[in-house]
Amino acid sequence: MSESMPVAWHISTKSPDNGGNCVEAGPVLDGSGRVAVRDSKDRAAATLVYPADGWTAFVLGVKVGEFG
């Protein structure tokens, strides 16, 4: 992901100390609907970017317990 693309990063309120061992996710602010994800402990590492429909499918899967 290009450093020039701004992202509205969010850390889960369920994360210890609002950080710790978690990831940050947020919408890429370019109108594409994509969502970026990064490691909160290593923000300089790779950032993954998902298309809007892929992110929506993932979130719905989490909500229905598909992954655990």
Protein backbone atom coordinates (compact mmCIF):
# COMPACT_ATOMS: atom_id res chain seq x y z
CA MET A 1 0.00 0.00 0.00
CA SER A 2 1.30 3.42 -0.86
CA GLU A 3 2.21 5.73 2.01
CA SER A 4 0.35 8.49 0.16
CA MET A 5 -2.99 6.72 0.66
CA PRO A 6 -4.56 7.90 3.91
CA VAL A 7 -6.34 5.37 6.11
CA ALA A 8 -8.68 6.04 9.03
CA TRP A 9 -7.06 3.52 11.42
CA HIS A 10 -9.05 1.98 14.29
CA ILE A 11 -7.92 -0.29 17.13
CA SER A 12 -10.52 -2.47 18.79
CA THR A 13 -11.75 -1.20 22.14
CA LYS A 14 -11.41 -4.83 23.31
CA SER A 15 -7.64 -4.71 22.81
CA PRO A 16 -5.54 -4.45 25.98
CA ASP A 17 -4.61 -0.82 26.65
CA ASN A 18 -6.23 0.04 23.29
CA GLY A 19 -3.22 -1.49 21.54
CA GLY A 20 -1.05 -4.43 22.52
CA ASN A 21 -1.43 -7.68 20.62
CA CYS A 22 -3.90 -6.72 17.96
CA VAL A 23 -4.33 -5.40 14.49
CA GLU A 24 -5.57 -2.05 13.30
CA ALA A 25 -8.05 -1.78 10.48
CA GLY A 26 -9.68 1.08 8.69
CA PRO A 27 -11.09 2.32 5.44
CA VAL A 28 -8.73 3.60 2.77
CA LEU A 29 -9.85 7.20 2.31
CA ASP A 30 -9.91 7.19 -1.48
CA GLY A 31 -13.57 6.33 -2.05
CA SER A 32 -12.78 2.77 -3.16
CA GLY A 33 -14.38 1.07 -0.16
CA ARG A 34 -11.18 -0.91 0.47
CA VAL A 35 -10.08 -1.70 4.02
CA ALA A 36 -6.46 -1.72 5.18
CA VAL A 37 -5.15 -3.92 8.01
CA ARG A 38 -1.80 -3.71 9.84
CA ASP A 39 -0.06 -5.01 12.97
CA SER A 40 -0.45 -2.46 15.77
CA LYS A 41 2.96 -3.38 17.21
CA ASP A 42 4.82 -2.97 13.90
CA ARG A 43 3.13 -0.24 11.92
CA ALA A 44 6.05 0.01 9.51
CA ALA A 45 5.55 -3.61 8.39
CA ALA A 46 3.41 -4.63 5.45
CA THR A 47 -0.15 -3.37 5.25
CA LEU A 48 -2.78 -5.65 3.75
CA VAL A 49 -5.56 -4.08 1.70
CA TYR A 50 -8.83 -5.90 1.08
CA PRO A 51 -11.61 -5.06 -1.39
CA ALA A 52 -14.85 -3.92 0.21
CA ASP A 53 -16.75 -7.13 -0.58
CA GLY A 54 -13.96 -9.31 0.83
CA TRP A 55 -13.87 -7.34 4.07
CA THR A 56 -17.66 -7.45 4.39
CA ALA A 57 -17.64 -11.24 3.93
CA PHE A 58 -14.92 -11.59 6.58
CA VAL A 59 -16.80 -9.47 9.13
CA LEU A 60 -20.03 -11.39 8.54
CA GLY A 61 -18.14 -14.67 8.96
CA VAL A 62 -16.74 -13.50 12.30
CA LYS A 63 -20.21 -12.48 13.49
CA VAL A 64 -21.69 -15.91 12.75
CA GLY A 65 -18.76 -17.82 14.26
CA GLU A 66 -17.40 -19.16 11.00
CA PHE A 67 -13.77 -18.98 12.18
CA GLY A 68 -13.87 -20.56 15.56
